């Protein structure tokens, strides 16, 4: 017995899915209109997933996942130079001359 890590089941699922889709298309061609959404939706979903990948969607390795880093803490905020309350460093007021 050969252990192929489930490859046979993947291929079996794909083949059975294609056969089922062909049967549904045949039913739609024969005039059974209740299956029309089942004919339309799979290509639309595949198209949307393909468009997402084409536009750079999804998360790859080395990309930010959008999750907080560390222990759920926000990243540190850069402090301004100056006094309390975020006031700018002491500047001389401009005097009209």
C-alpha atoms as a PDB file:
ATOM      1  CA  UNK A   1       0.000   0.000   0.000  1.00  0.00           C
ATOM      2  CA  UNK A   2       1.395   3.401  -1.012  1.00  0.00           C
ATOM      3  CA  UNK A   3       0.949   6.437   1.230  1.00  0.00           C
ATOM      4  CA  UNK A   4       0.566   9.496  -0.986  1.00  0.00           C
ATOM      5  CA  UNK A   5      -0.507  11.982   1.716  1.00  0.00           C
ATOM      6  CA  UNK A   6      -4.106  12.164   0.494  1.00  0.00           C
ATOM      7  CA  UNK A   7      -3.407  12.963  -3.153  1.00  0.00           C
ATOM      8  CA  UNK A   8      -5.804  10.282  -4.347  1.00  0.00           C
ATOM      9  CA  UNK A   9      -8.642  11.887  -2.380  1.00  0.00           C
ATOM     10  CA  UNK A  10      -7.862  15.324  -3.777  1.00  0.00           C
ATOM     11  CA  UNK A  11      -7.944  14.025  -7.335  1.00  0.00           C
ATOM     12  CA  UNK A  12     -11.104  12.013  -6.588  1.00  0.00           C
ATOM     13  CA  UNK A  13     -12.813  15.125  -5.213  1.00  0.00           C
ATOM     14  CA  UNK A  14     -11.855  17.207  -8.223  1.00  0.00           C
ATOM     15  CA  UNK A  15     -13.036  14.548 -10.694  1.00  0.00           C
ATOM     16  CA  UNK A  16     -16.342  14.017  -8.879  1.00  0.00           C
ATOM     17  CA  UNK A  17     -16.863  17.774  -8.614  1.00  0.00           C
ATOM     18  CA  UNK A  18     -16.339  18.238 -12.343  1.00  0.00           C
ATOM     19  CA  UNK A  19     -18.727  15.367 -13.111  1.00  0.00           C
ATOM     20  CA  UNK A  20     -21.366  16.820 -10.779  1.00  0.00           C
ATOM     21  CA  UNK A  21     -20.984  20.265 -12.353  1.00  0.00           C
ATOM     22  CA  UNK A  22     -21.334  18.737 -15.836  1.00  0.00           C
ATOM     23  CA  UNK A  23     -24.510  16.963 -14.714  1.00  0.00           C
ATOM     24  CA  UNK A  24     -25.922  20.236 -13.356  1.00  0.00           C
ATOM     25  CA  UNK A  25     -25.087  22.031 -16.619  1.00  0.00           C
ATOM     26  CA  UNK A  26     -26.820  19.221 -18.523  1.00  0.00           C
ATOM     27  CA  UNK A  27     -29.896  19.670 -16.323  1.00  0.00           C
ATOM     28  CA  UNK A  28     -29.888  23.420 -17.016  1.00  0.00           C
ATOM     29  CA  UNK A  29     -29.600  22.811 -20.777  1.00  0.00           C
ATOM     30  CA  UNK A  30     -32.509  20.353 -20.537  1.00  0.00           C
ATOM     31  CA  UNK A  31     -34.676  23.135 -19.129  1.00  0.00           C
ATOM     32  CA  UNK A  32     -34.563  22.517 -15.382  1.00  0.00           C
ATOM     33  CA  UNK A  33     -34.203  26.168 -14.371  1.00  0.00           C
ATOM     34  CA  UNK A  34     -33.875  25.540 -10.631  1.00  0.00           C
ATOM     35  CA  UNK A  35     -30.211  24.598 -11.111  1.00  0.00           C
ATOM     36  CA  UNK A  36     -29.226  27.805 -12.928  1.00  0.00           C
ATOM     37  CA  UNK A  37     -27.803  29.413  -9.734  1.00  0.00           C
ATOM     38  CA  UNK A  38     -25.634  26.317  -9.270  1.00  0.00           C
ATOM     39  CA  UNK A  39     -24.318  26.810 -12.804  1.00  0.00           C
ATOM     40  CA  UNK A  40     -23.622  30.522 -12.378  1.00  0.00           C
ATOM     41  CA  UNK A  41     -22.168  30.717  -8.864  1.00  0.00           C
ATOM     42  CA  UNK A  42     -19.051  28.473  -9.133  1.00  0.00           C
ATOM     43  CA  UNK A  43     -17.486  30.406 -12.046  1.00  0.00           C
ATOM     44  CA  UNK A  44     -18.302  33.689 -10.304  1.00  0.00           C
ATOM     45  CA  UNK A  45     -16.653  32.561  -7.069  1.00  0.00           C
ATOM     46  CA  UNK A  46     -13.581  31.264  -8.923  1.00  0.00           C
ATOM     47  CA  UNK A  47     -13.406  34.544 -10.838  1.00  0.00           C
ATOM     48  CA  UNK A  48     -13.570  36.616  -7.656  1.00  0.00           C
ATOM     49  CA  UNK A  49     -10.864  34.539  -5.995  1.00  0.00           C
ATOM     50  CA  UNK A  50      -8.700  34.839  -9.117  1.00  0.00           C
ATOM     51  CA  UNK A  51      -9.230  38.605  -9.248  1.00  0.00           C
ATOM     52  CA  UNK A  52      -8.262  38.873  -5.580  1.00  0.00           C
ATOM     53  CA  UNK A  53      -5.041  36.980  -6.250  1.00  0.00           C
ATOM     54  CA  UNK A  54      -4.371  39.035  -9.370  1.00  0.00           C
ATOM     55  CA  UNK A  55      -4.742  42.276  -7.396  1.00  0.00           C
ATOM     56  CA  UNK A  56      -2.329  41.079  -4.724  1.00  0.00           C
ATOM     57  CA  UNK A  57      -4.861  39.945  -2.148  1.00  0.00           C
ATOM     58  CA  UNK A  58      -4.376  37.277   0.433  1.00  0.00           C
ATOM     59  CA  UNK A  59      -1.468  37.002   2.818  1.00  0.00           C
ATOM     60  CA  UNK A  60       1.839  35.583   1.752  1.00  0.00           C
ATOM     61  CA  UNK A  61       4.923  34.776   3.736  1.00  0.00           C
ATOM     62  CA  UNK A  62       6.736  37.786   5.113  1.00  0.00           C
ATOM     63  CA  UNK A  63       3.729  40.103   4.813  1.00  0.00           C
ATOM     64  CA  UNK A  64       2.029  41.840   7.682  1.00  0.00           C
ATOM     65  CA  UNK A  65      -1.058  39.906   8.721  1.00  0.00           C
ATOM     66  CA  UNK A  66      -2.747  42.993  10.101  1.00  0.00           C
ATOM     67  CA  UNK A  67      -2.717  41.573  13.615  1.00  0.00           C
ATOM     68  CA  UNK A  68      -1.227  43.240  16.670  1.00  0.00           C
ATOM     69  CA  UNK A  69       2.301  42.221  17.476  1.00  0.00           C
ATOM     70  CA  UNK A  70       3.557  41.274  20.881  1.00  0.00           C
ATOM     71  CA  UNK A  71       1.021  40.672  23.600  1.00  0.00           C
ATOM     72  CA  UNK A  72      -1.792  42.518  21.895  1.00  0.00           C
ATOM     73  CA  UNK A  73      -0.301  45.892  22.722  1.00  0.00           C
ATOM     74  CA  UNK A  74      -0.309  48.848  20.395  1.00  0.00           C
ATOM     75  CA  UNK A  75       3.065  49.852  18.950  1.00  0.00           C
ATOM     76  CA  UNK A  76       4.843  52.681  20.794  1.00  0.00           C
ATOM     77  CA  UNK A  77       4.054  56.207  19.660  1.00  0.00           C
ATOM     78  CA  UNK A  78       6.938  58.458  18.716  1.00  0.00           C
ATOM     79  CA  UNK A  79       7.260  61.275  21.270  1.00  0.00           C
ATOM     80  CA  UNK A  80       7.604  64.848  20.239  1.00  0.00           C
ATOM     81  CA  UNK A  81      10.376  66.991  21.531  1.00  0.00           C
ATOM     82  CA  UNK A  82       9.105  69.515  23.990  1.00  0.00           C
ATOM     83  CA  UNK A  83       7.130  69.858  27.172  1.00  0.00           C
ATOM     84  CA  UNK A  84       4.026  68.217  28.463  1.00  0.00           C
ATOM     85  CA  UNK A  85       0.905  68.110  26.386  1.00  0.00           C
ATOM     86  CA  UNK A  86       2.806  67.821  23.163  1.00  0.00           C
ATOM     87  CA  UNK A  87       3.690  71.489  23.095  1.00  0.00           C
ATOM     88  CA  UNK A  88       6.512  72.332  20.741  1.00  0.00           C
ATOM     89  CA  UNK A  89       9.974  72.949  22.108  1.00  0.00           C
ATOM     90  CA  UNK A  90      10.448  76.454  23.414  1.00  0.00           C
ATOM     91  CA  UNK A  91      10.261  78.792  20.525  1.00  0.00           C
ATOM     92  CA  UNK A  92      10.580  82.498  20.705  1.00  0.00           C
ATOM     93  CA  UNK A  93       7.298  84.186  19.824  1.00  0.00           C
ATOM     94  CA  UNK A  94       7.603  86.190  16.688  1.00  0.00           C
ATOM     95  CA  UNK A  95       7.392  89.890  17.354  1.00  0.00           C
ATOM     96  CA  UNK A  96       6.159  92.248  14.669  1.00  0.00           C
ATOM     97  CA  UNK A  97       8.851  94.809  13.834  1.00  0.00           C
END
